[in-house]
């Protein structure tokens, strides 16, 4: 390394320490240089980690839900004055992934872990209207059933019809669990999948 000319070392130092502009299509208008290369790497970690945690929490990943609860517990704690906004974000993510719709999706999926208790956020980061689900009718939701098949075919068609009902959207939460159990029973015959 002693043989590397000083001007090359100077260039490496300059590239690592000079402020650079963002390439984000959502950068501020006329923003100009904002951070060093190390700063951009740390900012990418800060942004991407939030999205990964949000995604894993939506799948009911227990360690991720525990992390969100840990960060949310900083709210109002005088030992963490710098983490109050982070606590608000954690509570908002927990509230998003523990809505009745998210819980219903977990109930229908036999392999999903139990959802955590809902946490009420103190702030909401996204202000968007939530469309009301269109009322589903059983007749519209059911595929055609062919009554000329074997018992296994009929069970398979009943399973497909119940799946087509989209339980997470069509029924109140208290009515979803019994039908989810019925789908589970219909989807398995003598311990093996019917599909």
N, C-alpha and C. Protein backbone atom coordinates (compact mmCIF):
# COMPACT_ATOMS: atom_id res chain seq x y z
N UNK A 1 0.81 -1.19 0.00
CA UNK A 1 0.00 0.00 0.00
C UNK A 1 0.86 1.26 0.00
N UNK A 2 2.08 1.13 0.50
CA UNK A 2 2.98 2.28 0.51
C UNK A 2 3.35 2.71 -0.89
N UNK A 3 3.18 1.82 -1.87
CA UNK A 3 3.52 2.15 -3.24
C UNK A 3 2.39 2.88 -3.97
N UNK A 4 1.21 3.00 -3.35
CA UNK A 4 0.10 3.72 -3.99
C UNK A 4 0.41 5.21 -3.93
N UNK A 5 0.35 5.88 -5.08
CA UNK A 5 0.66 7.32 -5.09
C UNK A 5 -0.32 8.13 -4.22
N UNK A 6 0.21 9.21 -3.62
CA UNK A 6 -0.60 10.02 -2.72
C UNK A 6 -1.84 10.60 -3.39
N UNK A 7 -1.74 10.95 -4.68
CA UNK A 7 -2.91 11.55 -5.35
C UNK A 7 -4.07 10.55 -5.43
N UNK A 8 -3.78 9.25 -5.52
CA UNK A 8 -4.84 8.24 -5.52
C UNK A 8 -5.48 8.14 -4.14
N UNK A 9 -4.67 8.20 -3.08
CA UNK A 9 -5.22 8.19 -1.73
C UNK A 9 -6.08 9.42 -1.50
N UNK A 10 -5.63 10.56 -2.01
CA UNK A 10 -6.40 11.79 -1.86
C UNK A 10 -7.76 11.66 -2.54
N UNK A 11 -7.77 11.02 -3.70
CA UNK A 11 -9.04 10.85 -4.43
C UNK A 11 -10.00 9.94 -3.65
N UNK A 12 -9.45 8.84 -3.09
CA UNK A 12 -10.29 7.93 -2.29
C UNK A 12 -10.85 8.68 -1.08
N UNK A 13 -10.00 9.46 -0.40
CA UNK A 13 -10.45 10.22 0.76
C UNK A 13 -11.55 11.21 0.37
N UNK A 14 -11.35 11.91 -0.77
CA UNK A 14 -12.33 12.89 -1.23
C UNK A 14 -13.67 12.20 -1.55
N UNK A 15 -13.62 11.04 -2.23
CA UNK A 15 -14.86 10.33 -2.58
C UNK A 15 -15.63 9.88 -1.34
N UNK A 16 -14.91 9.52 -0.28
CA UNK A 16 -15.56 9.04 0.93
C UNK A 16 -16.07 10.15 1.83
N UNK A 17 -15.50 11.33 1.74
CA UNK A 17 -15.85 12.39 2.68
C UNK A 17 -16.62 13.55 2.08
N UNK A 18 -16.67 13.67 0.75
CA UNK A 18 -17.41 14.79 0.16
C UNK A 18 -18.92 14.53 0.20
N UNK A 19 -19.70 15.58 0.26
CA UNK A 19 -21.15 15.44 0.22
C UNK A 19 -21.59 15.22 -1.22
N UNK A 20 -22.55 14.32 -1.37
CA UNK A 20 -23.05 13.95 -2.69
C UNK A 20 -24.55 14.22 -2.76
N UNK A 21 -25.08 14.39 -3.99
CA UNK A 21 -26.53 14.58 -4.13
C UNK A 21 -27.27 13.25 -4.11
N UNK A 22 -28.52 13.30 -3.74
CA UNK A 22 -29.38 12.12 -3.78
C UNK A 22 -29.78 11.83 -5.22
N UNK A 23 -30.00 10.55 -5.52
CA UNK A 23 -30.53 10.16 -6.82
C UNK A 23 -31.99 9.71 -6.72
N UNK A 24 -32.58 9.89 -5.57
CA UNK A 24 -33.97 9.49 -5.39
C UNK A 24 -34.87 10.32 -6.28
N UNK A 25 -35.83 9.67 -6.95
CA UNK A 25 -36.77 10.45 -7.75
C UNK A 25 -37.68 11.31 -6.87
N UNK A 26 -37.68 11.08 -5.56
CA UNK A 26 -38.51 11.85 -4.65
C UNK A 26 -37.68 12.80 -3.79
N UNK A 27 -36.48 13.15 -4.24
CA UNK A 27 -35.66 14.11 -3.49
C UNK A 27 -36.31 15.50 -3.60
N UNK A 28 -35.95 16.37 -2.65
CA UNK A 28 -36.47 17.74 -2.66
C UNK A 28 -36.03 18.47 -3.92
N UNK A 29 -36.86 19.35 -4.42
CA UNK A 29 -36.51 20.15 -5.59
C UNK A 29 -35.35 21.07 -5.23
N UNK A 30 -34.33 21.09 -6.10
CA UNK A 30 -33.17 21.94 -5.87
C UNK A 30 -32.36 21.58 -4.65
N UNK A 31 -32.39 20.32 -4.24
CA UNK A 31 -31.79 19.90 -2.98
C UNK A 31 -30.27 20.04 -2.95
N UNK A 32 -29.56 19.61 -3.98
CA UNK A 32 -28.11 19.69 -3.99
C UNK A 32 -27.47 18.59 -3.15
N UNK A 33 -26.14 18.68 -2.91
CA UNK A 33 -25.45 17.66 -2.12
C UNK A 33 -25.99 17.62 -0.69
N UNK A 34 -26.19 16.39 -0.17
CA UNK A 34 -26.79 16.28 1.15
C UNK A 34 -26.02 15.43 2.15
N UNK A 35 -25.22 14.45 1.66
CA UNK A 35 -24.56 13.58 2.63
C UNK A 35 -23.35 12.90 1.99
N UNK A 36 -22.52 12.29 2.86
CA UNK A 36 -21.36 11.54 2.39
C UNK A 36 -21.79 10.14 1.98
N UNK A 37 -20.86 9.40 1.41
CA UNK A 37 -21.16 8.02 1.01
C UNK A 37 -21.57 7.18 2.23
N UNK A 38 -20.86 7.37 3.34
CA UNK A 38 -21.21 6.63 4.56
C UNK A 38 -22.61 7.03 5.03
N UNK A 39 -22.96 8.29 4.92
CA UNK A 39 -24.30 8.74 5.30
C UNK A 39 -25.37 8.11 4.45
N UNK A 40 -25.12 7.99 3.14
CA UNK A 40 -26.10 7.35 2.27
C UNK A 40 -26.29 5.88 2.64
N UNK A 41 -25.21 5.20 2.99
CA UNK A 41 -25.32 3.79 3.39
C UNK A 41 -26.14 3.67 4.66
N UNK A 42 -25.89 4.54 5.64
CA UNK A 42 -26.66 4.51 6.88
C UNK A 42 -28.12 4.86 6.65
N UNK A 43 -28.38 5.81 5.74
CA UNK A 43 -29.77 6.17 5.42
C UNK A 43 -30.49 5.01 4.75
N UNK A 44 -29.79 4.28 3.87
CA UNK A 44 -30.40 3.10 3.23
C UNK A 44 -30.75 2.06 4.29
N UNK A 45 -29.86 1.85 5.27
CA UNK A 45 -30.16 0.92 6.36
C UNK A 45 -31.40 1.37 7.11
N UNK A 46 -31.48 2.66 7.42
CA UNK A 46 -32.62 3.17 8.17
C UNK A 46 -33.93 3.01 7.42
N UNK A 47 -33.91 3.19 6.11
CA UNK A 47 -35.14 3.08 5.32
C UNK A 47 -35.51 1.63 5.05
N UNK A 48 -34.56 0.84 4.60
CA UNK A 48 -34.84 -0.54 4.22
C UNK A 48 -35.22 -1.39 5.43
N UNK A 49 -34.60 -1.13 6.57
CA UNK A 49 -34.91 -1.91 7.76
C UNK A 49 -36.38 -1.72 8.17
N UNK A 50 -36.88 -0.50 8.05
CA UNK A 50 -38.29 -0.25 8.39
C UNK A 50 -39.19 -1.09 7.50
N UNK A 51 -38.92 -1.12 6.20
CA UNK A 51 -39.76 -1.88 5.27
C UNK A 51 -39.68 -3.38 5.53
N UNK A 52 -38.49 -3.87 5.85
CA UNK A 52 -38.32 -5.30 6.13
C UNK A 52 -39.07 -5.67 7.41
N UNK A 53 -38.95 -4.83 8.45
CA UNK A 53 -39.66 -5.10 9.70
C UNK A 53 -41.17 -5.09 9.46
N UNK A 54 -41.64 -4.12 8.70
CA UNK A 54 -43.08 -4.04 8.41
C UNK A 54 -43.56 -5.28 7.67
N UNK A 55 -42.77 -5.74 6.70
CA UNK A 55 -43.13 -6.93 5.93
C UNK A 55 -43.16 -8.17 6.83
N UNK A 56 -42.12 -8.38 7.62
CA UNK A 56 -42.06 -9.55 8.50
C UNK A 56 -43.16 -9.51 9.56
N UNK A 57 -43.47 -8.34 10.08
CA UNK A 57 -44.54 -8.22 11.07
C UNK A 57 -45.88 -8.59 10.45
N UNK A 58 -46.07 -8.24 9.18
CA UNK A 58 -47.30 -8.61 8.48
C UNK A 58 -47.46 -10.10 8.34
N UNK A 59 -46.35 -10.84 8.34
CA UNK A 59 -46.40 -12.30 8.29
C UNK A 59 -46.53 -12.91 9.68
N UNK A 60 -46.55 -12.07 10.71
CA UNK A 60 -46.67 -12.57 12.07
C UNK A 60 -45.38 -13.11 12.64
N UNK A 61 -44.23 -12.69 12.12
CA UNK A 61 -42.91 -13.16 12.56
C UNK A 61 -42.69 -12.77 14.03
N UNK A 62 -42.68 -13.75 14.97
CA UNK A 62 -42.61 -13.42 16.40
C UNK A 62 -41.44 -12.53 16.81
N UNK A 63 -40.18 -12.77 16.36
CA UNK A 63 -39.10 -11.87 16.79
C UNK A 63 -39.31 -10.44 16.30
N UNK A 64 -39.90 -10.28 15.11
CA UNK A 64 -40.14 -8.94 14.59
C UNK A 64 -41.23 -8.24 15.38
N UNK A 65 -42.29 -8.97 15.72
CA UNK A 65 -43.35 -8.38 16.54
C UNK A 65 -42.81 -8.00 17.92
N UNK A 66 -41.91 -8.82 18.46
CA UNK A 66 -41.29 -8.51 19.76
C UNK A 66 -40.45 -7.24 19.64
N UNK A 67 -39.72 -7.08 18.54
CA UNK A 67 -38.92 -5.87 18.33
C UNK A 67 -39.81 -4.64 18.28
N UNK A 68 -40.93 -4.74 17.55
CA UNK A 68 -41.86 -3.61 17.46
C UNK A 68 -42.42 -3.26 18.83
N UNK A 69 -42.78 -4.27 19.61
CA UNK A 69 -43.30 -4.00 20.96
C UNK A 69 -42.22 -3.35 21.83
N UNK A 70 -40.97 -3.80 21.68
CA UNK A 70 -39.86 -3.21 22.45
C UNK A 70 -39.70 -1.73 22.11
N UNK A 71 -39.68 -1.41 20.82
CA UNK A 71 -39.50 -0.01 20.41
C UNK A 71 -40.72 0.81 20.83
N UNK A 72 -41.92 0.25 20.69
CA UNK A 72 -43.14 0.96 21.09
C UNK A 72 -43.14 1.27 22.59
N UNK A 73 -42.49 0.42 23.38
CA UNK A 73 -42.47 0.62 24.83
C UNK A 73 -41.63 1.84 25.23
N UNK A 74 -40.87 2.40 24.30
CA UNK A 74 -40.08 3.60 24.60
C UNK A 74 -40.96 4.84 24.71
N UNK A 75 -42.21 4.75 24.24
CA UNK A 75 -43.10 5.92 24.26
C UNK A 75 -43.29 6.42 25.69
N UNK A 76 -42.93 7.67 25.91
CA UNK A 76 -43.08 8.28 27.22
C UNK A 76 -41.99 7.92 28.21
N UNK A 77 -41.06 7.05 27.83
CA UNK A 77 -40.00 6.63 28.74
C UNK A 77 -38.90 7.69 28.72
N UNK A 78 -38.60 8.32 29.87
CA UNK A 78 -37.59 9.39 29.91
C UNK A 78 -36.18 8.91 29.58
N UNK A 79 -35.95 7.60 29.62
CA UNK A 79 -34.62 7.08 29.27
C UNK A 79 -34.37 7.10 27.77
N UNK A 80 -35.43 7.28 26.96
CA UNK A 80 -35.28 7.24 25.50
C UNK A 80 -35.94 8.46 24.85
N UNK A 81 -35.49 9.68 25.19
CA UNK A 81 -36.14 10.86 24.61
C UNK A 81 -35.93 10.94 23.09
N UNK A 82 -34.85 10.36 22.59
CA UNK A 82 -34.55 10.40 21.16
C UNK A 82 -35.31 9.34 20.37
N UNK A 83 -36.08 8.47 21.04
CA UNK A 83 -36.76 7.37 20.34
C UNK A 83 -38.28 7.53 20.33
N UNK A 84 -38.79 8.72 20.66
CA UNK A 84 -40.24 8.91 20.74
C UNK A 84 -40.90 8.78 19.36
N UNK A 85 -40.30 9.34 18.32
CA UNK A 85 -40.85 9.20 16.97
C UNK A 85 -40.77 7.74 16.52
N UNK A 86 -39.69 7.06 16.90
CA UNK A 86 -39.55 5.64 16.56
C UNK A 86 -40.64 4.82 17.24
N UNK A 87 -40.95 5.16 18.50
CA UNK A 87 -42.01 4.45 19.23
C UNK A 87 -43.35 4.65 18.53
N UNK A 88 -43.62 5.88 18.06
CA UNK A 88 -44.86 6.14 17.33
C UNK A 88 -44.94 5.30 16.05
N UNK A 89 -43.82 5.20 15.35
CA UNK A 89 -43.79 4.40 14.12
C UNK A 89 -44.03 2.92 14.43
N UNK A 90 -43.40 2.41 15.47
CA UNK A 90 -43.59 1.01 15.84
C UNK A 90 -45.04 0.74 16.20
N UNK A 91 -45.67 1.67 16.93
CA UNK A 91 -47.07 1.49 17.29
C UNK A 91 -47.97 1.52 16.05
N UNK A 92 -47.64 2.39 15.09
CA UNK A 92 -48.43 2.46 13.86
C UNK A 92 -48.31 1.16 13.06
N UNK A 93 -47.11 0.58 13.00
CA UNK A 93 -46.93 -0.68 12.28
C UNK A 93 -47.67 -1.80 13.00
N UNK A 94 -47.56 -1.85 14.33
CA UNK A 94 -48.30 -2.87 15.09
C UNK A 94 -49.80 -2.74 14.85
N UNK A 95 -50.30 -1.52 14.84
CA UNK A 95 -51.74 -1.32 14.60
C UNK A 95 -52.12 -1.78 13.20
N UNK A 96 -51.25 -1.53 12.24
CA UNK A 96 -51.54 -1.92 10.86
C UNK A 96 -51.58 -3.44 10.71
N UNK A 97 -50.65 -4.14 11.33
CA UNK A 97 -50.59 -5.60 11.14
C UNK A 97 -51.50 -6.35 12.09
N UNK A 98 -52.16 -5.66 13.00
CA UNK A 98 -53.07 -6.34 13.91
C UNK A 98 -54.51 -5.88 13.71
N UNK A 99 -54.83 -5.35 12.54
CA UNK A 99 -56.21 -4.97 12.21
C UNK A 99 -57.04 -6.24 12.05
N UNK A 100 -58.37 -6.14 12.14
CA UNK A 100 -59.20 -7.33 11.95
C UNK A 100 -58.93 -8.05 10.63
N UNK A 101 -58.64 -7.31 9.56
CA UNK A 101 -58.38 -7.96 8.27
C UNK A 101 -57.09 -8.78 8.34
N UNK A 102 -56.03 -8.21 8.96
CA UNK A 102 -54.77 -8.94 9.08
C UNK A 102 -54.93 -10.15 9.99
N UNK A 103 -55.70 -10.01 11.06
CA UNK A 103 -55.94 -11.13 11.97
C UNK A 103 -56.72 -12.22 11.25
N UNK A 104 -57.72 -11.83 10.45
CA UNK A 104 -58.52 -12.81 9.71
C UNK A 104 -57.66 -13.60 8.75
N UNK A 105 -56.73 -12.94 8.09
CA UNK A 105 -55.83 -13.64 7.18
C UNK A 105 -55.01 -14.67 7.94
N UNK A 106 -54.59 -14.34 9.16
CA UNK A 106 -53.83 -15.28 9.98
C UNK A 106 -54.70 -16.43 10.44
N UNK A 107 -55.99 -16.17 10.72
CA UNK A 107 -56.89 -17.23 11.18
C UNK A 107 -57.11 -18.25 10.07
N UNK A 108 -57.26 -17.78 8.83
CA UNK A 108 -57.50 -18.68 7.71
C UNK A 108 -56.26 -19.53 7.43
N UNK A 109 -55.06 -18.98 7.65
CA UNK A 109 -53.82 -19.70 7.38
C UNK A 109 -53.46 -20.52 8.62
N UNK A 110 -53.56 -21.85 8.50
CA UNK A 110 -53.30 -22.72 9.64
C UNK A 110 -51.88 -22.60 10.17
N UNK A 111 -50.92 -22.22 9.32
CA UNK A 111 -49.52 -22.17 9.73
C UNK A 111 -49.14 -20.82 10.33
N UNK A 112 -50.04 -19.84 10.31
CA UNK A 112 -49.70 -18.51 10.79
C UNK A 112 -49.68 -18.49 12.31
N UNK A 113 -48.73 -17.74 12.91
CA UNK A 113 -48.72 -17.62 14.36
C UNK A 113 -49.90 -16.78 14.83
N UNK A 114 -50.21 -16.88 16.12
CA UNK A 114 -51.30 -16.10 16.68
C UNK A 114 -50.95 -14.62 16.60
N UNK A 115 -51.92 -13.78 16.21
CA UNK A 115 -51.65 -12.34 16.12
C UNK A 115 -51.51 -11.73 17.51
N UNK A 116 -50.76 -10.62 17.55
CA UNK A 116 -50.59 -9.92 18.82
C UNK A 116 -51.81 -9.05 19.08
N UNK A 117 -51.99 -8.66 20.32
CA UNK A 117 -53.11 -7.79 20.67
C UNK A 117 -52.92 -6.43 19.99
N UNK A 118 -53.99 -5.83 19.50
CA UNK A 118 -53.86 -4.53 18.83
C UNK A 118 -53.32 -3.46 19.77
N UNK A 119 -52.49 -2.58 19.20
CA UNK A 119 -51.95 -1.44 19.92
C UNK A 119 -52.47 -0.20 19.23
N UNK A 120 -53.03 0.73 19.98
CA UNK A 120 -53.57 1.95 19.39
C UNK A 120 -52.44 2.93 19.14
N UNK A 121 -52.20 3.34 17.89
CA UNK A 121 -51.14 4.31 17.63
C UNK A 121 -51.55 5.70 18.08
N UNK A 122 -50.57 6.52 18.42
CA UNK A 122 -50.87 7.90 18.78
C UNK A 122 -50.81 8.80 17.56
N UNK A 123 -50.11 8.35 16.51
CA UNK A 123 -50.08 9.11 15.27
C UNK A 123 -50.29 8.14 14.13
N UNK A 124 -50.72 8.65 13.00
CA UNK A 124 -50.88 7.84 11.80
C UNK A 124 -50.02 8.48 10.73
N UNK A 125 -49.14 7.71 10.10
CA UNK A 125 -48.22 8.24 9.12
C UNK A 125 -48.81 8.33 7.72
N UNK A 126 -49.80 7.51 7.42
CA UNK A 126 -50.38 7.51 6.09
C UNK A 126 -51.84 7.90 6.22
N UNK A 127 -52.24 8.95 5.54
CA UNK A 127 -53.62 9.40 5.59
C UNK A 127 -54.27 9.04 4.26
N UNK A 128 -54.87 7.87 4.22
CA UNK A 128 -55.53 7.45 2.99
C UNK A 128 -56.88 6.85 3.37
N UNK A 129 -57.87 7.08 2.53
CA UNK A 129 -59.17 6.49 2.84
C UNK A 129 -59.12 4.98 2.70
N UNK A 130 -59.80 4.29 3.58
CA UNK A 130 -59.86 2.84 3.51
C UNK A 130 -61.17 2.48 2.83
N UNK A 131 -61.07 1.86 1.64
CA UNK A 131 -62.31 1.53 0.93
C UNK A 131 -63.09 0.45 1.68
N UNK A 132 -64.39 0.63 1.71
CA UNK A 132 -65.24 -0.38 2.33
C UNK A 132 -65.31 -1.59 1.42
N UNK A 133 -65.23 -2.79 1.97
CA UNK A 133 -65.31 -3.97 1.11
C UNK A 133 -66.70 -4.06 0.49
N UNK A 134 -66.70 -4.46 -0.76
CA UNK A 134 -67.98 -4.63 -1.42
C UNK A 134 -68.68 -5.84 -0.82
N UNK A 135 -70.00 -5.73 -0.62
CA UNK A 135 -70.70 -6.88 -0.04
C UNK A 135 -70.61 -8.08 -0.96
N UNK A 136 -70.24 -9.19 -0.38
CA UNK A 136 -70.11 -10.42 -1.17
C UNK A 136 -71.37 -11.24 -1.01
N UNK A 137 -71.81 -11.79 -2.08
CA UNK A 137 -72.94 -12.70 -1.98
C UNK A 137 -72.42 -14.10 -2.23
N UNK A 138 -73.01 -15.05 -1.58
CA UNK A 138 -72.56 -16.43 -1.71
C UNK A 138 -72.68 -16.90 -3.15
N UNK A 139 -73.75 -16.52 -3.81
CA UNK A 139 -73.96 -16.97 -5.19
C UNK A 139 -72.87 -16.43 -6.11
N UNK A 140 -72.52 -15.16 -5.95
CA UNK A 140 -71.49 -14.57 -6.80
C UNK A 140 -70.12 -15.16 -6.52
N UNK A 141 -69.86 -15.54 -5.27
CA UNK A 141 -68.52 -15.98 -4.87
C UNK A 141 -68.25 -17.44 -5.20
N UNK A 142 -69.28 -18.26 -5.35
CA UNK A 142 -69.06 -19.68 -5.53
C UNK A 142 -68.80 -20.05 -6.99
N UNK A 143 -67.78 -20.88 -7.23
CA UNK A 143 -67.58 -21.38 -8.58
C UNK A 143 -68.65 -22.43 -8.91
N UNK A 144 -68.78 -22.73 -10.19
CA UNK A 144 -69.76 -23.73 -10.61
C UNK A 144 -69.41 -25.08 -10.00
N UNK A 145 -70.42 -25.81 -9.53
CA UNK A 145 -70.21 -27.12 -8.92
C UNK A 145 -70.80 -28.17 -9.84
N UNK A 146 -69.99 -29.19 -10.13
CA UNK A 146 -70.44 -30.29 -10.97
C UNK A 146 -70.82 -31.44 -10.05
N UNK A 147 -72.11 -31.76 -9.97
CA UNK A 147 -72.58 -32.78 -9.05
C UNK A 147 -72.39 -34.20 -9.55
N UNK A 148 -71.74 -34.41 -10.69
CA UNK A 148 -71.59 -35.75 -11.26
C UNK A 148 -70.28 -36.42 -10.88
N UNK A 149 -69.49 -35.83 -10.00
CA UNK A 149 -68.18 -36.40 -9.69
C UNK A 149 -68.24 -37.35 -8.52
N UNK A 150 -67.07 -37.88 -8.17
CA UNK A 150 -66.96 -38.77 -7.02
C UNK A 150 -67.07 -37.95 -5.73
N UNK A 151 -67.11 -38.64 -4.60
CA UNK A 151 -67.17 -37.95 -3.32
C UNK A 151 -65.96 -37.04 -3.15
N UNK A 152 -64.79 -37.53 -3.54
CA UNK A 152 -63.57 -36.72 -3.45
C UNK A 152 -63.66 -35.47 -4.31
N UNK A 153 -64.23 -35.62 -5.53
CA UNK A 153 -64.40 -34.45 -6.40
C UNK A 153 -65.34 -33.44 -5.76
N UNK A 154 -66.44 -33.93 -5.18
CA UNK A 154 -67.40 -33.02 -4.54
C UNK A 154 -66.77 -32.30 -3.34
N UNK A 155 -65.96 -33.04 -2.56
CA UNK A 155 -65.28 -32.40 -1.42
C UNK A 155 -64.31 -31.35 -1.95
N UNK A 156 -63.59 -31.68 -3.00
CA UNK A 156 -62.66 -30.72 -3.60
C UNK A 156 -63.39 -29.49 -4.11
N UNK A 157 -64.55 -29.67 -4.74
CA UNK A 157 -65.33 -28.52 -5.23
C UNK A 157 -65.86 -27.69 -4.06
N UNK A 158 -66.28 -28.35 -2.99
CA UNK A 158 -66.74 -27.62 -1.81
C UNK A 158 -65.59 -26.82 -1.20
N UNK A 159 -64.42 -27.42 -1.16
CA UNK A 159 -63.24 -26.72 -0.65
C UNK A 159 -62.94 -25.49 -1.50
N UNK A 160 -62.96 -25.65 -2.83
CA UNK A 160 -62.71 -24.51 -3.73
C UNK A 160 -63.77 -23.43 -3.54
N UNK A 161 -65.03 -23.84 -3.38
CA UNK A 161 -66.11 -22.87 -3.19
C UNK A 161 -65.93 -22.08 -1.90
N UNK A 162 -65.56 -22.76 -0.81
CA UNK A 162 -65.36 -22.06 0.45
C UNK A 162 -64.16 -21.12 0.37
N UNK A 163 -63.10 -21.56 -0.30
CA UNK A 163 -61.94 -20.68 -0.48
C UNK A 163 -62.32 -19.45 -1.29
N UNK A 164 -63.20 -19.61 -2.29
CA UNK A 164 -63.60 -18.50 -3.14
C UNK A 164 -64.39 -17.45 -2.38
N UNK A 165 -64.94 -17.80 -1.21
CA UNK A 165 -65.72 -16.84 -0.44
C UNK A 165 -64.86 -15.70 0.09
N UNK A 166 -63.55 -15.87 0.14
CA UNK A 166 -62.64 -14.85 0.67
C UNK A 166 -63.09 -14.44 2.06
N UNK A 167 -62.95 -15.36 2.98
CA UNK A 167 -63.45 -15.17 4.34
C UNK A 167 -62.97 -13.87 4.99
N UNK A 168 -61.74 -13.49 4.68
CA UNK A 168 -61.20 -12.29 5.32
C UNK A 168 -61.99 -11.04 4.96
N UNK A 169 -62.67 -11.05 3.81
CA UNK A 169 -63.39 -9.86 3.39
C UNK A 169 -64.90 -9.98 3.57
N UNK A 170 -65.44 -11.20 3.54
CA UNK A 170 -66.87 -11.37 3.45
C UNK A 170 -67.59 -11.56 4.78
N UNK A 171 -66.90 -11.95 5.83
CA UNK A 171 -67.59 -12.30 7.07
C UNK A 171 -67.06 -11.48 8.25
N UNK A 172 -67.90 -11.29 9.26
CA UNK A 172 -67.41 -10.68 10.50
C UNK A 172 -66.37 -11.61 11.14
N UNK A 173 -65.44 -11.05 11.88
CA UNK A 173 -64.31 -11.82 12.40
C UNK A 173 -64.75 -13.00 13.25
N UNK A 174 -65.85 -12.86 14.03
CA UNK A 174 -66.26 -13.96 14.89
C UNK A 174 -66.80 -15.15 14.10
N UNK A 175 -67.15 -14.95 12.82
CA UNK A 175 -67.69 -16.04 12.00
C UNK A 175 -66.62 -16.70 11.13
N UNK A 176 -65.42 -16.16 11.13
CA UNK A 176 -64.39 -16.67 10.23
C UNK A 176 -63.75 -17.96 10.72
N UNK A 177 -63.51 -18.08 12.03
CA UNK A 177 -62.79 -19.23 12.56
C UNK A 177 -63.50 -20.55 12.27
N UNK A 178 -64.83 -20.68 12.47
CA UNK A 178 -65.47 -21.97 12.18
C UNK A 178 -65.36 -22.35 10.70
N UNK A 179 -65.51 -21.38 9.81
CA UNK A 179 -65.40 -21.71 8.39
C UNK A 179 -63.95 -22.01 8.00
N UNK A 180 -62.99 -21.32 8.63
CA UNK A 180 -61.58 -21.63 8.38
C UNK A 180 -61.27 -23.06 8.81
N UNK A 181 -61.87 -23.49 9.94
CA UNK A 181 -61.66 -24.87 10.41
C UNK A 181 -62.29 -25.85 9.42
N UNK A 182 -63.48 -25.51 8.89
CA UNK A 182 -64.13 -26.38 7.91
C UNK A 182 -63.28 -26.51 6.66
N UNK A 183 -62.73 -25.42 6.19
CA UNK A 183 -61.86 -25.47 5.01
C UNK A 183 -60.66 -26.36 5.30
N UNK A 184 -60.10 -26.23 6.51
CA UNK A 184 -58.95 -27.06 6.88
C UNK A 184 -59.31 -28.54 6.85
N UNK A 185 -60.49 -28.88 7.37
CA UNK A 185 -60.93 -30.27 7.39
C UNK A 185 -61.15 -30.77 5.96
N UNK A 186 -61.80 -29.95 5.14
CA UNK A 186 -62.07 -30.35 3.76
C UNK A 186 -60.79 -30.47 2.93
N UNK A 187 -59.78 -29.70 3.28
CA UNK A 187 -58.55 -29.72 2.48
C UNK A 187 -57.68 -30.93 2.80
N UNK A 188 -58.01 -31.68 3.84
CA UNK A 188 -57.21 -32.82 4.25
C UNK A 188 -58.09 -34.05 4.35
N UNK A 189 -57.65 -35.15 3.75
CA UNK A 189 -58.40 -36.39 3.86
C UNK A 189 -57.40 -37.48 4.25
N UNK A 190 -57.63 -38.10 5.38
CA UNK A 190 -56.72 -39.16 5.90
C UNK A 190 -55.29 -38.62 6.02
N UNK A 191 -55.17 -37.35 6.41
CA UNK A 191 -53.83 -36.79 6.65
C UNK A 191 -53.12 -36.31 5.40
N UNK A 192 -53.75 -36.34 4.23
CA UNK A 192 -53.07 -35.87 3.02
C UNK A 192 -53.94 -34.85 2.32
N UNK A 193 -53.29 -33.96 1.59
CA UNK A 193 -54.01 -32.90 0.89
C UNK A 193 -54.87 -33.48 -0.24
N UNK A 194 -56.05 -32.88 -0.46
CA UNK A 194 -56.94 -33.33 -1.53
C UNK A 194 -56.58 -32.72 -2.86
N UNK A 195 -55.92 -31.69 -2.98
CA UNK A 195 -55.75 -31.00 -4.26
C UNK A 195 -55.17 -31.85 -5.33
